[in-house]
Amino acid sequence: MTEEGILAGEQGNADIRAALERITASPDFDKSPQLVSFLRFVVGATLAGRSRQIKAYTIATDALGRDARFDPQADPIVRVEAGRLRRALARYYANGGREDPIAIELPRGGYVPVFRANRVPPGLLARLQVQRRQFVDALHDNYRLLILIVVIAATVSVSFDLLWMEIGKMNETEQALQSAPLALSPSGPHGSHIH
C-alpha cells in the first residue's frame, strides 16, 4: 500500500470517528447510553481491524455490560438493541444527519457496521427538485380548482335559496288571494248592478 493509501485510510478513519461523534451527540442517541456504547464498540472494533470479533457475545459483554455467563441464545438483548440502533440511525440520517459526509449503517443480519459516503447523486437531486416543483404546481392548480368549485357551489346554493324564497312569496300571495273575499266592482263587465 502506498503512503497516499495509508493517509487516505487514516483520513477515512478520522472522518468516520467524526461522524460517530456527531451521531452520538444527536438527540436520537444522547438519552440512550446503551445505543451509544453499542455503536462505539462496533465502529471501534471495525476501525481497529477486529470486525471478525464482533459477535453477539462480545457486544453483550464488552458494550452492554453483561457478564461472562451471557448466553446469546437465551438473552435477545443484542438483537433488540441492534434493531433499536438501526432505527435510531435511520432517524438520524432522515433528520439532522442528512448532510453528514459519512453514513454509518448496521446492515440487517449482522453487527459489523458499514461506512459509506453520504452523497446524493446530482441527477437524483435534480429529479427530486423537479418532482417537488410539480407537486407544488399541482397543489396550486388544484387549490384554484377547489376555490372555483366552492364559489360555483355557493352561487348555486344562493340561487336556489332565492328561487325558493320567490316561490314561497308567490305561494303566500296566491294563498292570500284565494282566502280573501272577492270584491266585485260595480262598474266592471261582470259586476252586477243593484237597483
N, C-alpha and C. Protein backbone atom coordinates (compact mmCIF):
# COMPACT_ATOMS: atom_id res chain seq x y z
N MET A 1 0.86 -1.18 0.00
CA MET A 1 0.00 0.00 0.00
C MET A 1 0.90 1.23 0.00
N THR A 2 0.57 2.20 -0.81
CA THR A 2 1.37 3.41 -0.89
C THR A 2 1.12 4.29 0.32
N GLU A 3 2.00 5.27 0.49
CA GLU A 3 1.84 6.19 1.61
C GLU A 3 0.55 6.99 1.46
N GLU A 4 0.18 7.31 0.20
CA GLU A 4 -1.06 8.04 -0.03
C GLU A 4 -2.26 7.20 0.42
N GLY A 5 -2.20 5.88 0.16
CA GLY A 5 -3.28 4.99 0.57
C GLY A 5 -3.42 4.95 2.08
N ILE A 6 -2.28 4.92 2.79
CA ILE A 6 -2.31 4.91 4.24
C ILE A 6 -2.89 6.22 4.76
N LEU A 7 -2.46 7.35 4.17
CA LEU A 7 -3.01 8.64 4.58
C LEU A 7 -4.50 8.71 4.31
N ALA A 8 -4.89 8.19 3.13
CA ALA A 8 -6.31 8.19 2.81
C ALA A 8 -7.07 7.34 3.81
N GLY A 9 -6.50 6.18 4.20
CA GLY A 9 -7.14 5.32 5.19
C GLY A 9 -7.24 6.00 6.55
N GLU A 10 -6.15 6.64 6.96
CA GLU A 10 -6.17 7.35 8.24
C GLU A 10 -7.18 8.50 8.21
N GLN A 11 -7.21 9.21 7.09
CA GLN A 11 -8.18 10.30 6.96
C GLN A 11 -9.60 9.74 6.97
N GLY A 12 -9.80 8.62 6.29
CA GLY A 12 -11.11 7.98 6.29
C GLY A 12 -11.53 7.59 7.70
N ASN A 13 -10.60 7.02 8.48
CA ASN A 13 -10.91 6.67 9.87
C ASN A 13 -11.24 7.91 10.69
N ALA A 14 -10.51 8.99 10.46
CA ALA A 14 -10.79 10.23 11.19
C ALA A 14 -12.18 10.76 10.83
N ASP A 15 -12.54 10.67 9.56
CA ASP A 15 -13.88 11.10 9.12
C ASP A 15 -14.97 10.24 9.75
N ILE A 16 -14.69 8.93 9.84
CA ILE A 16 -15.67 8.01 10.44
C ILE A 16 -15.82 8.31 11.93
N ARG A 17 -14.70 8.55 12.61
CA ARG A 17 -14.76 8.89 14.03
C ARG A 17 -15.50 10.21 14.26
N ALA A 18 -15.29 11.18 13.37
CA ALA A 18 -16.01 12.45 13.47
C ALA A 18 -17.51 12.23 13.26
N ALA A 19 -17.85 11.36 12.31
CA ALA A 19 -19.26 11.03 12.07
C ALA A 19 -19.85 10.35 13.30
N LEU A 20 -19.08 9.44 13.91
CA LEU A 20 -19.53 8.76 15.12
C LEU A 20 -19.82 9.76 16.24
N GLU A 21 -18.97 10.75 16.40
CA GLU A 21 -19.17 11.76 17.45
C GLU A 21 -20.42 12.60 17.19
N ARG A 22 -20.66 12.94 15.91
CA ARG A 22 -21.88 13.70 15.58
C ARG A 22 -23.13 12.88 15.89
N ILE A 23 -23.07 11.60 15.56
CA ILE A 23 -24.23 10.72 15.80
C ILE A 23 -24.50 10.60 17.29
N THR A 24 -23.47 10.29 18.06
CA THR A 24 -23.68 10.03 19.49
C THR A 24 -24.07 11.29 20.26
N ALA A 25 -23.79 12.46 19.70
CA ALA A 25 -24.18 13.72 20.35
C ALA A 25 -25.59 14.16 19.94
N SER A 26 -26.20 13.45 18.99
CA SER A 26 -27.51 13.86 18.47
C SER A 26 -28.62 13.50 19.45
N PRO A 27 -29.78 14.15 19.32
CA PRO A 27 -30.92 13.84 20.21
C PRO A 27 -31.39 12.39 20.15
N ASP A 28 -31.19 11.72 19.02
CA ASP A 28 -31.60 10.33 18.91
C ASP A 28 -30.76 9.40 19.78
N PHE A 29 -29.57 9.85 20.17
CA PHE A 29 -28.65 8.99 20.92
C PHE A 29 -28.29 9.50 22.31
N ASP A 30 -28.39 10.81 22.54
CA ASP A 30 -27.86 11.35 23.80
C ASP A 30 -28.58 10.86 25.05
N LYS A 31 -29.76 10.32 24.90
CA LYS A 31 -30.50 9.79 26.06
C LYS A 31 -30.49 8.27 26.11
N SER A 32 -29.66 7.65 25.29
CA SER A 32 -29.61 6.19 25.25
C SER A 32 -28.16 5.71 25.32
N PRO A 33 -27.61 5.60 26.52
CA PRO A 33 -26.20 5.19 26.65
C PRO A 33 -25.93 3.79 26.10
N GLN A 34 -26.93 2.90 26.12
CA GLN A 34 -26.71 1.56 25.57
C GLN A 34 -26.49 1.61 24.06
N LEU A 35 -27.27 2.45 23.37
CA LEU A 35 -27.08 2.57 21.92
C LEU A 35 -25.73 3.19 21.60
N VAL A 36 -25.34 4.20 22.39
CA VAL A 36 -24.04 4.84 22.17
C VAL A 36 -22.92 3.83 22.40
N SER A 37 -23.01 3.06 23.47
CA SER A 37 -21.98 2.07 23.78
C SER A 37 -21.91 1.00 22.69
N PHE A 38 -23.06 0.54 22.24
CA PHE A 38 -23.13 -0.46 21.17
C PHE A 38 -22.45 0.08 19.91
N LEU A 39 -22.85 1.29 19.50
CA LEU A 39 -22.31 1.86 18.27
C LEU A 39 -20.81 2.13 18.39
N ARG A 40 -20.38 2.68 19.50
CA ARG A 40 -18.94 2.94 19.70
C ARG A 40 -18.13 1.64 19.64
N PHE A 41 -18.66 0.59 20.25
CA PHE A 41 -17.94 -0.68 20.25
C PHE A 41 -17.79 -1.24 18.84
N VAL A 42 -18.90 -1.33 18.08
CA VAL A 42 -18.80 -1.96 16.75
C VAL A 42 -17.99 -1.10 15.78
N VAL A 43 -18.11 0.22 15.87
CA VAL A 43 -17.31 1.10 14.99
C VAL A 43 -15.84 1.00 15.36
N GLY A 44 -15.53 1.05 16.66
CA GLY A 44 -14.13 0.97 17.09
C GLY A 44 -13.49 -0.34 16.71
N ALA A 45 -14.20 -1.45 16.91
CA ALA A 45 -13.65 -2.76 16.55
C ALA A 45 -13.42 -2.86 15.04
N THR A 46 -14.33 -2.33 14.26
CA THR A 46 -14.19 -2.38 12.80
C THR A 46 -12.99 -1.55 12.35
N LEU A 47 -12.87 -0.34 12.89
CA LEU A 47 -11.74 0.51 12.50
C LEU A 47 -10.41 -0.07 12.95
N ALA A 48 -10.42 -0.86 14.04
CA ALA A 48 -9.19 -1.49 14.54
C ALA A 48 -8.88 -2.80 13.81
N GLY A 49 -9.72 -3.16 12.84
CA GLY A 49 -9.49 -4.38 12.09
C GLY A 49 -9.94 -5.64 12.81
N ARG A 50 -10.83 -5.50 13.77
CA ARG A 50 -11.30 -6.65 14.54
C ARG A 50 -12.77 -6.97 14.23
N SER A 51 -13.20 -6.77 13.02
CA SER A 51 -14.62 -6.98 12.68
C SER A 51 -15.04 -8.43 12.86
N ARG A 52 -14.09 -9.38 12.77
CA ARG A 52 -14.44 -10.80 12.98
C ARG A 52 -14.82 -11.09 14.43
N GLN A 53 -14.39 -10.23 15.33
CA GLN A 53 -14.70 -10.43 16.75
C GLN A 53 -16.04 -9.81 17.14
N ILE A 54 -16.69 -9.16 16.20
CA ILE A 54 -17.98 -8.52 16.51
C ILE A 54 -19.07 -9.59 16.42
N LYS A 55 -19.42 -10.11 17.57
CA LYS A 55 -20.44 -11.15 17.70
C LYS A 55 -21.38 -10.72 18.82
N ALA A 56 -22.52 -11.38 18.92
CA ALA A 56 -23.49 -11.05 19.97
C ALA A 56 -22.85 -11.13 21.36
N TYR A 57 -22.00 -12.15 21.57
CA TYR A 57 -21.38 -12.32 22.89
C TYR A 57 -20.46 -11.14 23.22
N THR A 58 -19.59 -10.77 22.30
CA THR A 58 -18.64 -9.68 22.59
C THR A 58 -19.35 -8.33 22.74
N ILE A 59 -20.40 -8.13 21.97
CA ILE A 59 -21.17 -6.89 22.12
C ILE A 59 -21.82 -6.85 23.49
N ALA A 60 -22.41 -7.97 23.89
CA ALA A 60 -23.10 -8.03 25.19
C ALA A 60 -22.13 -7.82 26.34
N THR A 61 -20.98 -8.47 26.29
CA THR A 61 -20.04 -8.39 27.42
C THR A 61 -19.19 -7.13 27.38
N ASP A 62 -18.77 -6.68 26.19
CA ASP A 62 -17.86 -5.53 26.12
C ASP A 62 -18.59 -4.19 26.01
N ALA A 63 -19.82 -4.20 25.46
CA ALA A 63 -20.51 -2.93 25.25
C ALA A 63 -21.76 -2.76 26.11
N LEU A 64 -22.43 -3.86 26.40
CA LEU A 64 -23.72 -3.75 27.09
C LEU A 64 -23.67 -4.17 28.56
N GLY A 65 -22.49 -4.47 29.07
CA GLY A 65 -22.34 -4.72 30.50
C GLY A 65 -22.78 -6.09 30.98
N ARG A 66 -22.98 -7.06 30.10
CA ARG A 66 -23.33 -8.40 30.54
C ARG A 66 -22.06 -9.11 31.04
N ASP A 67 -22.25 -10.07 31.94
CA ASP A 67 -21.09 -10.79 32.47
C ASP A 67 -20.69 -11.94 31.55
N ALA A 68 -19.64 -12.65 31.92
CA ALA A 68 -19.07 -13.71 31.08
C ALA A 68 -20.03 -14.88 30.90
N ARG A 69 -21.04 -14.99 31.73
CA ARG A 69 -22.01 -16.09 31.61
C ARG A 69 -23.10 -15.79 30.56
N PHE A 70 -23.01 -14.66 29.88
CA PHE A 70 -24.03 -14.27 28.90
C PHE A 70 -24.22 -15.37 27.85
N ASP A 71 -25.49 -15.70 27.58
CA ASP A 71 -25.83 -16.69 26.57
C ASP A 71 -26.68 -16.01 25.50
N PRO A 72 -26.12 -15.77 24.32
CA PRO A 72 -26.88 -15.06 23.26
C PRO A 72 -28.12 -15.81 22.80
N GLN A 73 -28.17 -17.13 23.03
CA GLN A 73 -29.36 -17.89 22.63
C GLN A 73 -30.51 -17.66 23.61
N ALA A 74 -30.18 -17.42 24.87
CA ALA A 74 -31.21 -17.25 25.89
C ALA A 74 -31.59 -15.78 26.10
N ASP A 75 -30.69 -14.88 25.82
CA ASP A 75 -30.92 -13.45 26.08
C ASP A 75 -30.86 -12.68 24.75
N PRO A 76 -32.00 -12.12 24.31
CA PRO A 76 -32.03 -11.45 23.00
C PRO A 76 -31.57 -9.98 23.04
N ILE A 77 -30.93 -9.55 24.11
CA ILE A 77 -30.60 -8.13 24.27
C ILE A 77 -29.84 -7.55 23.08
N VAL A 78 -28.90 -8.30 22.53
CA VAL A 78 -28.10 -7.76 21.41
C VAL A 78 -28.97 -7.57 20.18
N ARG A 79 -29.83 -8.53 19.87
CA ARG A 79 -30.72 -8.40 18.72
C ARG A 79 -31.68 -7.22 18.91
N VAL A 80 -32.21 -7.09 20.13
CA VAL A 80 -33.15 -6.00 20.42
C VAL A 80 -32.45 -4.65 20.27
N GLU A 81 -31.26 -4.53 20.87
CA GLU A 81 -30.53 -3.26 20.79
C GLU A 81 -30.06 -2.97 19.36
N ALA A 82 -29.73 -4.01 18.59
CA ALA A 82 -29.34 -3.80 17.19
C ALA A 82 -30.50 -3.23 16.39
N GLY A 83 -31.72 -3.73 16.65
CA GLY A 83 -32.91 -3.19 15.98
C GLY A 83 -33.13 -1.73 16.36
N ARG A 84 -33.00 -1.43 17.64
CA ARG A 84 -33.15 -0.04 18.10
C ARG A 84 -32.08 0.85 17.46
N LEU A 85 -30.85 0.33 17.36
CA LEU A 85 -29.75 1.10 16.77
C LEU A 85 -30.03 1.38 15.30
N ARG A 86 -30.50 0.40 14.57
CA ARG A 86 -30.82 0.62 13.15
C ARG A 86 -31.89 1.70 12.98
N ARG A 87 -32.93 1.63 13.81
CA ARG A 87 -34.00 2.64 13.72
C ARG A 87 -33.49 4.03 14.11
N ALA A 88 -32.65 4.09 15.13
CA ALA A 88 -32.11 5.39 15.56
C ALA A 88 -31.20 5.98 14.48
N LEU A 89 -30.39 5.14 13.84
CA LEU A 89 -29.55 5.63 12.74
C LEU A 89 -30.40 6.12 11.57
N ALA A 90 -31.46 5.39 11.26
CA ALA A 90 -32.35 5.81 10.17
C ALA A 90 -32.98 7.17 10.49
N ARG A 91 -33.43 7.36 11.72
CA ARG A 91 -33.99 8.66 12.13
C ARG A 91 -32.94 9.76 12.04
N TYR A 92 -31.74 9.44 12.49
CA TYR A 92 -30.66 10.42 12.47
C TYR A 92 -30.39 10.90 11.03
N TYR A 93 -30.25 9.95 10.11
CA TYR A 93 -29.94 10.33 8.72
C TYR A 93 -31.14 10.92 7.98
N ALA A 94 -32.34 10.67 8.48
CA ALA A 94 -33.52 11.28 7.87
C ALA A 94 -33.70 12.72 8.36
N ASN A 95 -33.09 13.06 9.48
CA ASN A 95 -33.26 14.40 10.06
C ASN A 95 -31.95 15.16 10.08
N GLY A 96 -31.35 15.30 11.23
CA GLY A 96 -30.15 16.13 11.39
C GLY A 96 -28.93 15.65 10.66
N GLY A 97 -28.80 14.34 10.43
CA GLY A 97 -27.61 13.81 9.79
C GLY A 97 -27.68 13.71 8.29
N ARG A 98 -28.71 14.32 7.73
CA ARG A 98 -28.92 14.24 6.28
C ARG A 98 -27.71 14.75 5.49
N GLU A 99 -27.03 15.77 6.04
CA GLU A 99 -25.91 16.38 5.32
C GLU A 99 -24.55 15.83 5.73
N ASP A 100 -24.50 14.87 6.65
CA ASP A 100 -23.22 14.30 7.08
C ASP A 100 -22.49 13.71 5.88
N PRO A 101 -21.17 13.91 5.80
CA PRO A 101 -20.43 13.36 4.66
C PRO A 101 -20.25 11.85 4.71
N ILE A 102 -20.30 11.27 5.92
CA ILE A 102 -20.13 9.82 6.09
C ILE A 102 -21.39 9.26 6.74
N ALA A 103 -21.89 8.16 6.21
CA ALA A 103 -23.02 7.47 6.82
C ALA A 103 -22.52 6.17 7.43
N ILE A 104 -22.95 5.90 8.66
CA ILE A 104 -22.63 4.65 9.34
C ILE A 104 -23.91 3.84 9.38
N GLU A 105 -23.85 2.62 8.86
CA GLU A 105 -25.03 1.76 8.81
C GLU A 105 -24.74 0.44 9.48
N LEU A 106 -25.76 -0.19 10.00
CA LEU A 106 -25.66 -1.52 10.60
C LEU A 106 -26.59 -2.43 9.80
N PRO A 107 -26.05 -3.11 8.79
CA PRO A 107 -26.92 -3.94 7.92
C PRO A 107 -27.61 -5.04 8.72
N ARG A 108 -28.81 -5.39 8.29
CA ARG A 108 -29.55 -6.48 8.93
C ARG A 108 -28.79 -7.79 8.74
N GLY A 109 -28.94 -8.65 9.73
CA GLY A 109 -28.30 -9.96 9.65
C GLY A 109 -26.90 -10.00 10.23
N GLY A 110 -26.41 -8.89 10.74
CA GLY A 110 -25.07 -8.87 11.32
C GLY A 110 -24.89 -7.64 12.18
N TYR A 111 -23.71 -7.54 12.77
CA TYR A 111 -23.44 -6.42 13.67
C TYR A 111 -22.23 -5.60 13.25
N VAL A 112 -21.64 -5.92 12.10
CA VAL A 112 -20.48 -5.19 11.61
C VAL A 112 -20.98 -3.97 10.84
N PRO A 113 -20.58 -2.77 11.26
CA PRO A 113 -21.07 -1.57 10.58
C PRO A 113 -20.44 -1.39 9.21
N VAL A 114 -21.15 -0.65 8.37
CA VAL A 114 -20.69 -0.29 7.04
C VAL A 114 -20.60 1.22 6.98
N PHE A 115 -19.53 1.71 6.35
CA PHE A 115 -19.32 3.16 6.23
C PHE A 115 -19.39 3.52 4.76
N ARG A 116 -20.15 4.54 4.45
CA ARG A 116 -20.24 4.96 3.04
C ARG A 116 -20.33 6.47 2.95
N ALA A 117 -19.95 6.97 1.80
CA ALA A 117 -20.10 8.41 1.55
C ALA A 117 -21.59 8.72 1.48
N ASN A 118 -21.99 9.73 2.17
CA ASN A 118 -23.41 10.10 2.24
C ASN A 118 -23.66 11.25 1.27
N ARG A 119 -23.66 10.92 0.01
CA ARG A 119 -23.86 11.94 -1.02
C ARG A 119 -25.10 11.61 -1.84
N VAL A 120 -25.85 12.65 -2.15
CA VAL A 120 -26.99 12.48 -3.04
C VAL A 120 -26.49 12.67 -4.46
N PRO A 121 -26.70 11.68 -5.34
CA PRO A 121 -26.26 11.85 -6.74
C PRO A 121 -26.91 13.08 -7.36
N PRO A 122 -26.14 13.88 -8.12
CA PRO A 122 -26.70 15.11 -8.70
C PRO A 122 -27.96 14.88 -9.53
N GLY A 123 -28.02 13.79 -10.30
CA GLY A 123 -29.21 13.50 -11.09
C GLY A 123 -30.43 13.26 -10.22
N LEU A 124 -30.21 12.57 -9.12
CA LEU A 124 -31.31 12.29 -8.20
C LEU A 124 -31.80 13.58 -7.56
N LEU A 125 -30.86 14.44 -7.17
CA LEU A 125 -31.23 15.72 -6.57
C LEU A 125 -32.04 16.55 -7.56
N ALA A 126 -31.61 16.58 -8.81
CA ALA A 126 -32.35 17.34 -9.83
C ALA A 126 -33.76 16.76 -10.01
N ARG A 127 -33.87 15.42 -10.05
CA ARG A 127 -35.19 14.79 -10.18
C ARG A 127 -36.08 15.11 -8.99
N LEU A 128 -35.50 15.08 -7.79
CA LEU A 128 -36.27 15.40 -6.60
C LEU A 128 -36.78 16.84 -6.64
N GLN A 129 -35.93 17.75 -7.11
CA GLN A 129 -36.35 19.15 -7.21
C GLN A 129 -37.47 19.33 -8.23
N VAL A 130 -37.38 18.63 -9.36
CA VAL A 130 -38.43 18.70 -10.39
C VAL A 130 -39.73 18.13 -9.83
N GLN A 131 -39.65 16.97 -9.13
CA GLN A 131 -40.85 16.37 -8.57
C GLN A 131 -41.47 17.27 -7.52
N ARG A 132 -40.64 17.92 -6.72
CA ARG A 132 -41.15 18.84 -5.70
C ARG A 132 -41.89 19.99 -6.37
N ARG A 133 -41.29 20.55 -7.43
CA ARG A 133 -41.92 21.66 -8.15
C ARG A 133 -43.25 21.22 -8.77
N GLN A 134 -43.28 20.02 -9.36
CA GLN A 134 -44.51 19.50 -9.95
C GLN A 134 -45.59 19.32 -8.89
N PHE A 135 -45.20 18.83 -7.73
CA PHE A 135 -46.16 18.64 -6.64
C PHE A 135 -46.73 19.98 -6.20
N VAL A 136 -45.86 20.97 -6.03
CA VAL A 136 -46.31 22.30 -5.61
C VAL A 136 -47.23 22.91 -6.67
N ASP A 137 -46.87 22.77 -7.95
CA ASP A 137 -47.71 23.29 -9.03
C ASP A 137 -49.07 22.59 -9.06
N ALA A 138 -49.06 21.27 -8.91
CA ALA A 138 -50.32 20.52 -8.91
C ALA A 138 -51.19 20.94 -7.72
N LEU A 139 -50.55 21.12 -6.58
CA LEU A 139 -51.29 21.57 -5.40
C LEU A 139 -51.87 22.95 -5.65
N HIS A 140 -51.08 23.83 -6.26
CA HIS A 140 -51.54 25.18 -6.56
C HIS A 140 -52.70 25.15 -7.55
N ASP A 141 -52.57 24.34 -8.61
CA ASP A 141 -53.64 24.22 -9.60
C ASP A 141 -54.90 23.63 -8.97
N ASN A 142 -54.75 22.62 -8.17
CA ASN A 142 -55.91 22.02 -7.51
C ASN A 142 -56.54 22.98 -6.52
N TYR A 143 -55.74 23.82 -5.92
CA TYR A 143 -56.27 24.81 -4.98
C TYR A 143 -57.19 25.77 -5.72
N ARG A 144 -56.77 26.21 -6.89
CA ARG A 144 -57.62 27.09 -7.70
C ARG A 144 -58.91 26.39 -8.10
N LEU A 145 -58.79 25.13 -8.50
CA LEU A 145 -59.97 24.36 -8.89
C LEU A 145 -60.92 24.21 -7.70
N LEU A 146 -60.37 23.95 -6.54
CA LEU A 146 -61.19 23.80 -5.34
C LEU A 146 -61.92 25.10 -5.02
N ILE A 147 -61.22 26.22 -5.13
CA ILE A 147 -61.87 27.52 -4.88
C ILE A 147 -62.97 27.76 -5.90
N LEU A 148 -62.71 27.43 -7.17
CA LEU A 148 -63.72 27.59 -8.21
C LEU A 148 -64.95 26.74 -7.90
N ILE A 149 -64.74 25.49 -7.49
CA ILE A 149 -65.87 24.62 -7.16
C ILE A 149 -66.66 25.18 -5.98
N VAL A 150 -65.96 25.67 -4.97
CA VAL A 150 -66.65 26.24 -3.80
C VAL A 150 -67.46 27.46 -4.20
N VAL A 151 -66.89 28.34 -5.04
CA VAL A 151 -67.61 29.54 -5.49
C VAL A 151 -68.84 29.15 -6.30
N ILE A 152 -68.70 28.20 -7.20
CA ILE A 152 -69.84 27.76 -8.01
C ILE A 152 -70.91 27.14 -7.12
N ALA A 153 -70.49 26.28 -6.19
CA ALA A 153 -71.46 25.64 -5.29
C ALA A 153 -72.19 26.68 -4.44
N ALA A 154 -71.45 27.69 -3.96
CA ALA A 154 -72.08 28.73 -3.15
C ALA A 154 -73.07 29.54 -3.99
N THR A 155 -72.69 29.84 -5.23
CA THR A 155 -73.57 30.60 -6.12
C THR A 155 -74.84 29.82 -6.42
N VAL A 156 -74.69 28.54 -6.72
CA VAL A 156 -75.86 27.70 -6.99
C VAL A 156 -76.75 27.61 -5.76
N SER A 157 -76.11 27.45 -4.59
CA SER A 157 -76.88 27.35 -3.35
C SER A 157 -77.67 28.63 -3.08
N VAL A 158 -77.02 29.77 -3.23
CA VAL A 158 -77.70 31.05 -3.01
C VAL A 158 -78.81 31.24 -4.04
N SER A 159 -78.56 30.86 -5.28
CA SER A 159 -79.58 30.98 -6.32
C SER A 159 -80.81 30.13 -5.99
N PHE A 160 -80.59 28.90 -5.55
CA PHE A 160 -81.72 28.05 -5.16
C PHE A 160 -82.45 28.63 -3.96
N ASP A 161 -81.69 29.17 -3.00
CA ASP A 161 -82.34 29.79 -1.84
C ASP A 161 -83.23 30.95 -2.28
N LEU A 162 -82.71 31.80 -3.17
CA LEU A 162 -83.50 32.94 -3.67
C LEU A 162 -84.72 32.46 -4.45
N LEU A 163 -84.52 31.43 -5.26
CA LEU A 163 -85.63 30.87 -6.04
C LEU A 163 -86.71 30.33 -5.10
N TRP A 164 -86.33 29.59 -4.07
CA TRP A 164 -87.31 29.07 -3.11
C TRP A 164 -88.01 30.19 -2.36
N MET A 165 -87.26 31.24 -2.06
CA MET A 165 -87.89 32.39 -1.38
C MET A 165 -88.94 33.02 -2.29
N GLU A 166 -88.64 33.17 -3.58
CA GLU A 166 -89.59 33.75 -4.54
C GLU A 166 -90.81 32.85 -4.70
N ILE A 167 -90.55 31.53 -4.78
CA ILE A 167 -91.67 30.59 -4.90
C ILE A 167 -92.54 30.68 -3.65
N GLY A 168 -91.89 30.79 -2.50
CA GLY A 168 -92.63 30.93 -1.24
C GLY A 168 -93.48 32.18 -1.23
N LYS A 169 -92.91 33.29 -1.71
CA LYS A 169 -93.67 34.55 -1.75
C LYS A 169 -94.86 34.42 -2.71
N MET A 170 -94.60 33.77 -3.86
CA MET A 170 -95.70 33.59 -4.82
C MET A 170 -96.80 32.73 -4.21
N ASN A 171 -96.44 31.69 -3.49
CA ASN A 171 -97.44 30.83 -2.85
C ASN A 171 -98.21 31.61 -1.79
N GLU A 172 -97.50 32.43 -1.01
CA GLU A 172 -98.18 33.23 0.00
C GLU A 172 -99.16 34.20 -0.64
N THR A 173 -98.74 34.83 -1.73
CA THR A 173 -99.61 35.77 -2.43
C THR A 173 -100.82 35.04 -3.00
N GLU A 174 -100.60 33.89 -3.58
CA GLU A 174 -101.69 33.12 -4.15
C GLU A 174 -102.66 32.68 -3.06
N GLN A 175 -102.12 32.22 -1.93
CA GLN A 175 -102.99 31.82 -0.82
C GLN A 175 -103.78 33.01 -0.28
N ALA A 176 -103.10 34.16 -0.19
CA ALA A 176 -103.78 35.36 0.30
C ALA A 176 -104.91 35.74 -0.65
N LEU A 177 -104.68 35.63 -1.93
CA LEU A 177 -105.72 35.97 -2.91
C LEU A 177 -106.88 34.99 -2.84
N GLN A 178 -106.59 33.74 -2.62
CA GLN A 178 -107.65 32.73 -2.55
C GLN A 178 -108.48 32.85 -1.28
N SER A 179 -107.87 33.26 -0.20
CA SER A 179 -108.62 33.34 1.05
C SER A 179 -109.34 34.67 1.22
N ALA A 180 -109.00 35.66 0.47
CA ALA A 180 -109.67 36.96 0.59
C ALA A 180 -111.00 36.90 -0.16
N PRO A 181 -112.07 37.57 0.41
CA PRO A 181 -113.35 37.59 -0.32
C PRO A 181 -113.20 38.37 -1.61
N LEU A 182 -113.90 37.90 -2.59
CA LEU A 182 -113.83 38.56 -3.89
C LEU A 182 -114.62 39.87 -3.84
N ALA A 183 -113.97 40.89 -4.17
CA ALA A 183 -114.64 42.19 -4.22
C ALA A 183 -115.15 42.40 -5.63
N LEU A 184 -116.40 42.67 -5.73
CA LEU A 184 -116.99 42.87 -7.05
C LEU A 184 -117.05 44.35 -7.34
N SER A 185 -116.60 44.64 -8.47
CA SER A 185 -116.63 46.04 -8.87
C SER A 185 -117.99 46.35 -9.51
N PRO A 186 -118.68 47.39 -9.05
CA PRO A 186 -119.98 47.70 -9.63
C PRO A 186 -119.90 48.13 -11.09
N SER A 187 -118.79 48.65 -11.52
CA SER A 187 -118.74 49.11 -12.88
C SER A 187 -118.08 48.13 -13.82
N GLY A 188 -117.62 47.03 -13.30
CA GLY A 188 -116.91 46.08 -14.14
C GLY A 188 -117.83 45.33 -15.04
N PRO A 189 -117.28 44.68 -16.06
CA PRO A 189 -118.11 43.99 -17.01
C PRO A 189 -118.85 42.81 -16.41
N HIS A 190 -118.35 42.25 -15.37
CA HIS A 190 -119.03 41.12 -14.77
C HIS A 190 -119.75 41.52 -13.51
N GLY A 191 -119.65 42.78 -13.18
CA GLY A 191 -120.28 43.25 -11.96
C GLY A 191 -121.79 43.28 -12.09
N SER A 192 -122.45 43.20 -10.99
CA SER A 192 -123.92 43.28 -11.02
C SER A 192 -124.36 44.64 -10.54
N HIS A 193 -125.39 45.11 -11.05
CA HIS A 193 -125.93 46.42 -10.64
C HIS A 193 -127.03 46.23 -9.68
N ILE A 194 -126.96 46.97 -8.64
CA ILE A 194 -128.03 46.90 -7.63
C ILE A 194 -128.99 48.02 -7.92
N HIS A 195 -130.23 47.67 -8.02
CA HIS A 195 -131.28 48.67 -8.33
C HIS A 195 -132.07 48.96 -7.16
